[in-house]
Amino acid sequence: MSETFLDGRVKVRQPDSGFRSGLDAVMLAAAVPARAGDTALELGAGAGTVSLCLAARVPGVTVSGVEIDPSLVDLANANAAANGFEARFVAADIFVLPLSLKQDFDQVFCNPPFHGEGQVSPDAARKAALSDGGKLSDWLKLGLQRTVSGGFFTAIIRADRLAQALATLPTEGVSVLPLWPRLGEPARRVIVQVRKASRAPFCLLPGLVLHRQDGTSTPEAEAVLRRGAALALTKAPL
């Protein structure tokens, strides 16, 4: 099944069953502070939605992606070719990266599996995509490890797993952006960004409200989802 993102600028074929990228993917791509000439690595790329949204927003960024499911890798590479983007996806376990990707990147980003132990989807494909096997901390450590000094590691996670993430990441150079479903409702997702080797104090940002009370998108969310606006989490380097 094919879907469009960024008001049709990105077209992505996704599996008919299992996990399918949506709003989270676009928000994550918007939060990656890449510039033309940067190298970027996505961990757990799926069908490539996040990487392709990033490539659409930032022409000139060199994107690589790692995905453990070979069928999704084929789909991601086909999606990149269909959109005309210079993105390359390889089939591998993120914890056993091929030699070509054992390097430091300017930007590393991921949408790690959302569910911890005891939270299992009955659908086998969704279970494989969403269950982290107790390895959320390992995903975050690896992402930071593969980030060049002064570069950025960005992840979108469930809000109720933020404490675990903060216990894993450095105490400095970290910014958190809550995504509020509606005004006055608890955040379900947060975007966490680390500028590696930064000495900036921890920053909890005001956050973004996604929907009005009637369910339509807020103007701020529309700017990201349709017009490709960036989400700035980190200020000038310190």
C-alpha atoms as a PDB file:
ATOM      1  CA  MET A   1       0.000   0.000   0.000  1.00  0.00           C
ATOM      2  CA  SER A   2       1.303   3.448  -0.947  1.00  0.00           C
ATOM      3  CA  GLU A   3       0.971   6.564   1.214  1.00  0.00           C
ATOM      4  CA  THR A   4       2.075  10.164   0.806  1.00  0.00           C
ATOM      5  CA  PHE A   5       3.813  12.438   3.288  1.00  0.00           C
ATOM      6  CA  LEU A   6       4.712  16.147   3.358  1.00  0.00           C
ATOM      7  CA  ASP A   7       1.697  17.044   1.214  1.00  0.00           C
ATOM      8  CA  GLY A   8       2.672  14.580  -1.511  1.00  0.00           C
ATOM      9  CA  ARG A   9       6.386  15.393  -1.706  1.00  0.00           C
ATOM     10  CA  VAL A  10       7.227  11.893  -0.412  1.00  0.00           C
ATOM     11  CA  LYS A  11       5.491   8.736  -1.610  1.00  0.00           C
ATOM     12  CA  VAL A  12       6.135   5.559   0.373  1.00  0.00           C
ATOM     13  CA  ARG A  13       4.996   2.010  -0.217  1.00  0.00           C
ATOM     14  CA  GLN A  14       4.473   0.253   3.118  1.00  0.00           C
ATOM     15  CA  PRO A  15       3.572  -3.330   4.049  1.00  0.00           C
ATOM     16  CA  ASP A  16      -0.133  -4.164   4.056  1.00  0.00           C
ATOM     17  CA  SER A  17       0.202  -5.607   7.577  1.00  0.00           C
ATOM     18  CA  GLY A  18       2.451  -4.978  10.559  1.00  0.00           C
ATOM     19  CA  PHE A  19       3.851  -1.625  11.654  1.00  0.00           C
ATOM     20  CA  ARG A  20       3.176   1.351   9.361  1.00  0.00           C
ATOM     21  CA  SER A  21       4.852   4.740   9.649  1.00  0.00           C
ATOM     22  CA  GLY A  22       2.721   7.808  10.233  1.00  0.00           C
ATOM     23  CA  LEU A  23       2.818  11.064  12.164  1.00  0.00           C
ATOM     24  CA  ASP A  24       5.724   9.961  14.382  1.00  0.00           C
ATOM     25  CA  ALA A  25       7.941   9.448  11.340  1.00  0.00           C
ATOM     26  CA  VAL A  26       7.356  12.956   9.998  1.00  0.00           C
ATOM     27  CA  MET A  27       7.885  14.531  13.417  1.00  0.00           C
ATOM     28  CA  LEU A  28      11.156  12.657  13.909  1.00  0.00           C
ATOM     29  CA  ALA A  29      12.435  13.680  10.475  1.00  0.00           C
ATOM     30  CA  ALA A  30      11.524  17.308  11.204  1.00  0.00           C
ATOM     31  CA  ALA A  31      13.538  17.234  14.429  1.00  0.00           C
ATOM     32  CA  VAL A  32      16.814  16.072  12.839  1.00  0.00           C
ATOM     33  CA  PRO A  33      18.890  19.285  12.501  1.00  0.00           C
ATOM     34  CA  ALA A  34      20.691  18.212   9.339  1.00  0.00           C
ATOM     35  CA  ARG A  35      22.288  20.536   6.814  1.00  0.00           C
ATOM     36  CA  ALA A  36      23.386  19.974   3.218  1.00  0.00           C
ATOM     37  CA  GLY A  37      26.583  17.912   3.230  1.00  0.00           C
ATOM     38  CA  ASP A  38      25.792  16.114   6.486  1.00  0.00           C
ATOM     39  CA  THR A  39      25.953  12.348   6.770  1.00  0.00           C
ATOM     40  CA  ALA A  40      22.954  10.745   8.467  1.00  0.00           C
ATOM     41  CA  LEU A  41      22.174   7.245   9.760  1.00  0.00           C
ATOM     42  CA  GLU A  42      18.750   5.843  10.615  1.00  0.00           C
ATOM     43  CA  LEU A  43      18.619   2.858  12.953  1.00  0.00           C
ATOM     44  CA  GLY A  44      15.631   0.583  12.316  1.00  0.00           C
ATOM     45  CA  ALA A  45      14.585   2.263   9.073  1.00  0.00           C
ATOM     46  CA  GLY A  46      11.558   0.132   8.177  1.00  0.00           C
ATOM     47  CA  ALA A  47      10.280   1.143   4.735  1.00  0.00           C
ATOM     48  CA  GLY A  48      12.391   4.317   4.854  1.00  0.00           C
ATOM     49  CA  THR A  49       9.721   6.917   5.660  1.00  0.00           C
ATOM     50  CA  VAL A  50      11.752   8.946   8.170  1.00  0.00           C
ATOM     51  CA  SER A  51      14.885   8.998   6.017  1.00  0.00           C
ATOM     52  CA  LEU A  52      12.963  10.005   2.907  1.00  0.00           C
ATOM     53  CA  CYS A  53      11.122  12.794   4.730  1.00  0.00           C
ATOM     54  CA  LEU A  54      14.504  14.063   5.928  1.00  0.00           C
ATOM     55  CA  ALA A  55      15.950  13.869   2.409  1.00  0.00           C
ATOM     56  CA  ALA A  56      12.964  15.826   1.084  1.00  0.00           C
ATOM     57  CA  ARG A  57      13.385  18.557   3.702  1.00  0.00           C
ATOM     58  CA  VAL A  58      17.187  18.837   3.505  1.00  0.00           C
ATOM     59  CA  PRO A  59      18.549  18.426  -0.038  1.00  0.00           C
ATOM     60  CA  GLY A  60      22.200  17.423  -0.044  1.00  0.00           C
ATOM     61  CA  VAL A  61      22.153  15.263   3.084  1.00  0.00           C
ATOM     62  CA  THR A  62      23.635  11.774   2.608  1.00  0.00           C
ATOM     63  CA  VAL A  63      21.294   9.254   4.242  1.00  0.00           C
ATOM     64  CA  SER A  64      21.971   5.623   5.153  1.00  0.00           C
ATOM     65  CA  GLY A  65      19.543   3.320   6.910  1.00  0.00           C
ATOM     66  CA  VAL A  66      19.769  -0.027   8.695  1.00  0.00           C
ATOM     67  CA  GLU A  67      16.833  -2.421   8.949  1.00  0.00           C
ATOM     68  CA  ILE A  68      16.847  -6.042  10.134  1.00  0.00           C
ATOM     69  CA  ASP A  69      13.983  -7.186   7.849  1.00  0.00           C
ATOM     70  CA  PRO A  70      15.331  -7.776   4.295  1.00  0.00           C
ATOM     71  CA  SER A  71      11.881  -7.358   2.732  1.00  0.00           C
ATOM     72  CA  LEU A  72      11.582  -3.897   4.281  1.00  0.00           C
ATOM     73  CA  VAL A  73      15.082  -3.017   3.067  1.00  0.00           C
ATOM     74  CA  ASP A  74      14.041  -3.871  -0.481  1.00  0.00           C
ATOM     75  CA  LEU A  75      10.961  -1.718  -0.031  1.00  0.00           C
ATOM     76  CA  ALA A  76      12.978   1.183   1.419  1.00  0.00           C
ATOM     77  CA  ASN A  77      15.477   1.151  -1.441  1.00  0.00           C
ATOM     78  CA  ALA A  78      12.640   1.002  -3.968  1.00  0.00           C
ATOM     79  CA  ASN A  79      10.962   3.936  -2.210  1.00  0.00           C
ATOM     80  CA  ALA A  80      14.188   5.952  -2.330  1.00  0.00           C
ATOM     81  CA  ALA A  81      14.568   5.292  -6.062  1.00  0.00           C
ATOM     82  CA  ALA A  82      10.910   6.112  -6.757  1.00  0.00           C
ATOM     83  CA  ASN A  83      11.273   9.456  -4.976  1.00  0.00           C
ATOM     84  CA  GLY A  84      14.621  10.244  -6.577  1.00  0.00           C
ATOM     85  CA  PHE A  85      16.497  10.539  -3.278  1.00  0.00           C
ATOM     86  CA  GLU A  86      20.096   9.528  -2.595  1.00  0.00           C
ATOM     87  CA  ALA A  87      19.365   7.205   0.325  1.00  0.00           C
ATOM     88  CA  ARG A  88      20.827   3.732   0.840  1.00  0.00           C
ATOM     89  CA  PHE A  89      19.371   1.043   3.076  1.00  0.00           C
ATOM     90  CA  VAL A  90      21.095  -2.173   4.170  1.00  0.00           C
ATOM     91  CA  ALA A  91      19.822  -5.323   5.856  1.00  0.00           C
ATOM     92  CA  ALA A  92      21.539  -5.827   9.215  1.00  0.00           C
ATOM     93  CA  ASP A  93      21.007  -5.991  12.945  1.00  0.00           C
ATOM     94  CA  ILE A  94      21.756  -2.504  14.266  1.00  0.00           C
ATOM     95  CA  PHE A  95      23.941  -4.088  16.947  1.00  0.00           C
ATOM     96  CA  VAL A  96      26.015  -5.854  14.285  1.00  0.00           C
ATOM     97  CA  LEU A  97      26.561  -3.060  11.790  1.00  0.00           C
ATOM     98  CA  PRO A  98      28.377  -3.780   8.521  1.00  0.00           C
ATOM     99  CA  LEU A  99      31.872  -2.335   8.251  1.00  0.00           C
ATOM    100  CA  SER A 100      30.681   0.332   5.800  1.00  0.00           C
ATOM    101  CA  LEU A 101      28.515   1.827   8.538  1.00  0.00           C
ATOM    102  CA  LYS A 102      30.929   1.481  11.458  1.00  0.00           C
ATOM    103  CA  GLN A 103      31.771   5.166  11.369  1.00  0.00           C
ATOM    104  CA  ASP A 104      30.619   8.384  13.007  1.00  0.00           C
ATOM    105  CA  PHE A 105      27.743  10.329  11.436  1.00  0.00           C
ATOM    106  CA  ASP A 106      26.754  13.976  11.741  1.00  0.00           C
ATOM    107  CA  GLN A 107      23.177  12.910  12.410  1.00  0.00           C
ATOM    108  CA  VAL A 108      21.880   9.643  13.867  1.00  0.00           C
ATOM    109  CA  PHE A 109      18.170   9.108  14.439  1.00  0.00           C
ATOM    110  CA  CYS A 110      15.720   6.370  15.290  1.00  0.00           C
ATOM    111  CA  ASN A 111      12.158   5.480  16.162  1.00  0.00           C
ATOM    112  CA  PRO A 112      13.020   2.532  18.407  1.00  0.00           C
ATOM    113  CA  PRO A 113      10.500  -0.211  19.223  1.00  0.00           C
ATOM    114  CA  PHE A 114       7.886   1.240  21.575  1.00  0.00           C
ATOM    115  CA  HIS A 115       7.012  -1.750  23.728  1.00  0.00           C
ATOM    116  CA  GLY A 116       9.036  -3.201  26.555  1.00  0.00           C
ATOM    117  CA  GLU A 117       8.670  -6.594  28.143  1.00  0.00           C
ATOM    118  CA  GLY A 118       5.081  -7.710  28.719  1.00  0.00           C
ATOM    119  CA  GLN A 119       3.652  -5.402  26.021  1.00  0.00           C
ATOM    120  CA  VAL A 120       3.128  -7.663  22.995  1.00  0.00           C
ATOM    121  CA  SER A 121       1.034  -7.166  19.866  1.00  0.00           C
ATOM    122  CA  PRO A 122      -0.914 -10.237  18.674  1.00  0.00           C
ATOM    123  CA  ASP A 123       0.160  -9.482  15.095  1.00  0.00           C
ATOM    124  CA  ALA A 124       3.534 -11.155  14.429  1.00  0.00           C
ATOM    125  CA  ALA A 125       4.818  -8.408  12.127  1.00  0.00           C
ATOM    126  CA  ARG A 126       3.817  -5.651  14.542  1.00  0.00           C
ATOM    127  CA  LYS A 127       5.325  -7.606  17.434  1.00  0.00           C
ATOM    128  CA  ALA A 128       8.665  -7.786  15.605  1.00  0.00           C
ATOM    129  CA  ALA A 129       8.601  -4.063  14.844  1.00  0.00           C
ATOM    130  CA  LEU A 130       7.331  -2.774  18.186  1.00  0.00           C
ATOM    131  CA  SER A 131       8.885  -5.006  20.862  1.00  0.00           C
ATOM    132  CA  ASP A 132      12.327  -3.902  21.989  1.00  0.00           C
ATOM    133  CA  GLY A 133      13.154  -7.015  23.998  1.00  0.00           C
ATOM    134  CA  GLY A 134      14.313  -4.818  26.869  1.00  0.00           C
ATOM    135  CA  LYS A 135      16.891  -3.070  24.674  1.00  0.00           C
ATOM    136  CA  LEU A 136      15.705   0.539  24.566  1.00  0.00           C
ATOM    137  CA  SER A 137      18.786   1.657  26.483  1.00  0.00           C
ATOM    138  CA  ASP A 138      20.979  -0.259  24.042  1.00  0.00           C
ATOM    139  CA  TRP A 139      19.352   1.518  21.086  1.00  0.00           C
ATOM    140  CA  LEU A 140      20.052   4.884  22.675  1.00  0.00           C
ATOM    141  CA  LYS A 141      23.631   4.034  23.595  1.00  0.00           C
ATOM    142  CA  LEU A 142      24.346   2.797  20.084  1.00  0.00           C
ATOM    143  CA  GLY A 143      22.819   5.881  18.509  1.00  0.00           C
ATOM    144  CA  LEU A 144      25.010   8.160  20.587  1.00  0.00           C
ATOM    145  CA  GLN A 145      28.066   5.988  19.957  1.00  0.00           C
ATOM    146  CA  ARG A 146      27.666   6.347  16.174  1.00  0.00           C
ATOM    147  CA  THR A 147      27.274  10.148  16.401  1.00  0.00           C
ATOM    148  CA  VAL A 148      30.298  12.329  15.687  1.00  0.00           C
ATOM    149  CA  SER A 149      31.451  14.690  18.456  1.00  0.00           C
ATOM    150  CA  GLY A 150      29.365  17.828  18.063  1.00  0.00           C
ATOM    151  CA  GLY A 151      26.748  15.956  16.028  1.00  0.00           C
ATOM    152  CA  PHE A 152      23.184  15.120  16.968  1.00  0.00           C
ATOM    153  CA  PHE A 153      21.388  11.950  18.028  1.00  0.00           C
ATOM    154  CA  THR A 154      17.595  12.226  17.822  1.00  0.00           C
ATOM    155  CA  ALA A 155      14.935   9.701  18.855  1.00  0.00           C
ATOM    156  CA  ILE A 156      11.175   9.646  19.272  1.00  0.00           C
ATOM    157  CA  ILE A 157       9.956   7.474  22.140  1.00  0.00           C
ATOM    158  CA  ARG A 158       6.894   6.862  24.257  1.00  0.00           C
ATOM    159  CA  ALA A 159       6.525   9.534  26.916  1.00  0.00           C
ATOM    160  CA  ASP A 160       6.244   6.949  29.681  1.00  0.00           C
ATOM    161  CA  ARG A 161       9.732   5.680  28.804  1.00  0.00           C
ATOM    162  CA  LEU A 162      11.415   9.068  29.110  1.00  0.00           C
ATOM    163  CA  ALA A 163      12.819   8.306  32.574  1.00  0.00           C
ATOM    164  CA  GLN A 164      14.589   5.236  31.201  1.00  0.00           C
ATOM    165  CA  ALA A 165      15.988   7.256  28.320  1.00  0.00           C
ATOM    166  CA  LEU A 166      17.285  10.045  30.552  1.00  0.00           C
ATOM    167  CA  ALA A 167      18.927   7.494  32.850  1.00  0.00           C
ATOM    168  CA  THR A 168      20.827   6.180  29.825  1.00  0.00           C
ATOM    169  CA  LEU A 169      21.843   9.414  28.112  1.00  0.00           C
ATOM    170  CA  PRO A 170      24.334  12.082  29.243  1.00  0.00           C
ATOM    171  CA  THR A 171      23.206  14.708  31.731  1.00  0.00           C
ATOM    172  CA  GLU A 172      24.320  17.558  29.429  1.00  0.00           C
ATOM    173  CA  GLY A 173      23.456  18.435  25.849  1.00  0.00           C
ATOM    174  CA  VAL A 174      19.978  16.846  26.066  1.00  0.00           C
ATOM    175  CA  SER A 175      16.739  18.474  24.890  1.00  0.00           C
ATOM    176  CA  VAL A 176      13.227  16.989  25.166  1.00  0.00           C
ATOM    177  CA  LEU A 177      10.213  18.069  23.126  1.00  0.00           C
ATOM    178  CA  PRO A 178       6.827  16.684  24.261  1.00  0.00           C
ATOM    179  CA  LEU A 179       4.162  16.027  21.625  1.00  0.00           C
ATOM    180  CA  TRP A 180       0.757  16.767  23.168  1.00  0.00           C
ATOM    181  CA  PRO A 181      -2.215  15.003  21.460  1.00  0.00           C
ATOM    182  CA  ARG A 182      -4.496  17.921  22.470  1.00  0.00           C
ATOM    183  CA  LEU A 183      -4.145  20.896  24.766  1.00  0.00           C
ATOM    184  CA  GLY A 184      -4.381  19.732  28.371  1.00  0.00           C
ATOM    185  CA  GLU A 185      -3.781  16.041  27.590  1.00  0.00           C
ATOM    186  CA  PRO A 186      -0.682  14.102  28.694  1.00  0.00           C
ATOM    187  CA  ALA A 187       2.030  13.663  26.093  1.00  0.00           C
ATOM    188  CA  ARG A 188       2.163  10.220  24.488  1.00  0.00           C
ATOM    189  CA  ARG A 189       5.386  10.778  22.583  1.00  0.00           C
ATOM    190  CA  VAL A 190       8.504  12.840  23.234  1.00  0.00           C
ATOM    191  CA  ILE A 191      11.398  13.647  20.963  1.00  0.00           C
ATOM    192  CA  VAL A 192      14.766  13.375  22.695  1.00  0.00           C
ATOM    193  CA  GLN A 193      17.837  14.955  21.156  1.00  0.00           C
ATOM    194  CA  VAL A 194      21.452  14.870  22.295  1.00  0.00           C
ATOM    195  CA  ARG A 195      24.240  17.079  20.972  1.00  0.00           C
ATOM    196  CA  LYS A 196      27.240  14.862  21.594  1.00  0.00           C
ATOM    197  CA  ALA A 197      29.959  16.354  23.795  1.00  0.00           C
ATOM    198  CA  SER A 198      27.867  19.476  24.458  1.00  0.00           C
ATOM    199  CA  ARG A 199      27.981  21.038  27.915  1.00  0.00           C
ATOM    200  CA  ALA A 200      24.592  22.723  27.556  1.00  0.00           C
ATOM    201  CA  PRO A 201      22.230  22.110  30.491  1.00  0.00           C
ATOM    202  CA  PHE A 202      19.250  19.786  30.100  1.00  0.00           C
ATOM    203  CA  CYS A 203      16.358  21.545  28.353  1.00  0.00           C
ATOM    204  CA  LEU A 204      12.660  20.617  28.568  1.00  0.00           C
ATOM    205  CA  LEU A 205      11.009  22.474  25.694  1.00  0.00           C
ATOM    206  CA  PRO A 206       7.417  23.803  25.642  1.00  0.00           C
ATOM    207  CA  GLY A 207       6.315  21.073  23.249  1.00  0.00           C
ATOM    208  CA  LEU A 208       3.946  20.884  20.297  1.00  0.00           C
ATOM    209  CA  VAL A 209       0.163  20.450  20.459  1.00  0.00           C
ATOM    210  CA  LEU A 210      -0.858  18.182  17.577  1.00  0.00           C
ATOM    211  CA  HIS A 211      -4.652  18.482  17.423  1.00  0.00           C
ATOM    212  CA  ARG A 212      -7.425  20.924  18.215  1.00  0.00           C
ATOM    213  CA  GLN A 213     -10.339  19.714  20.310  1.00  0.00           C
ATOM    214  CA  ASP A 214     -12.278  18.830  17.136  1.00  0.00           C
ATOM    215  CA  GLY A 215      -9.487  16.488  16.029  1.00  0.00           C
ATOM    216  CA  THR A 216      -8.084  18.651  13.222  1.00  0.00           C
ATOM    217  CA  SER A 217      -4.379  19.423  13.204  1.00  0.00           C
ATOM    218  CA  THR A 218      -3.123  22.615  14.815  1.00  0.00           C
ATOM    219  CA  PRO A 219      -1.441  25.153  12.501  1.00  0.00           C
ATOM    220  CA  GLU A 220       1.904  24.339  14.126  1.00  0.00           C
ATOM    221  CA  ALA A 221       1.472  20.612  13.437  1.00  0.00           C
ATOM    222  CA  GLU A 222       0.263  21.319   9.884  1.00  0.00           C
ATOM    223  CA  ALA A 223       3.435  23.307   9.230  1.00  0.00           C
ATOM    224  CA  VAL A 224       5.491  20.209  10.027  1.00  0.00           C
ATOM    225  CA  LEU A 225       3.260  17.534   8.528  1.00  0.00           C
ATOM    226  CA  ARG A 226       2.416  19.291   5.261  1.00  0.00           C
ATOM    227  CA  ARG A 227       4.882  22.087   4.623  1.00  0.00           C
ATOM    228  CA  GLY A 228       8.012  20.360   5.893  1.00  0.00           C
ATOM    229  CA  ALA A 229       8.820  22.835   8.659  1.00  0.00           C
ATOM    230  CA  ALA A 230      11.659  21.888  10.990  1.00  0.00           C
ATOM    231  CA  LEU A 231      11.334  21.274  14.722  1.00  0.00           C
ATOM    232  CA  ALA A 232      14.212  23.066  16.429  1.00  0.00           C
ATOM    233  CA  LEU A 233      15.227  21.285  19.627  1.00  0.00           C
ATOM    234  CA  THR A 234      18.762  22.534  20.091  1.00  0.00           C
ATOM    235  CA  LYS A 235      19.999  26.098  19.991  1.00  0.00           C
ATOM    236  CA  ALA A 236      23.413  27.347  18.925  1.00  0.00           C
ATOM    237  CA  PRO A 237      26.365  25.092  19.855  1.00  0.00           C
ATOM    238  CA  LEU A 238      27.853  25.488  23.317  1.00  0.00           C
END
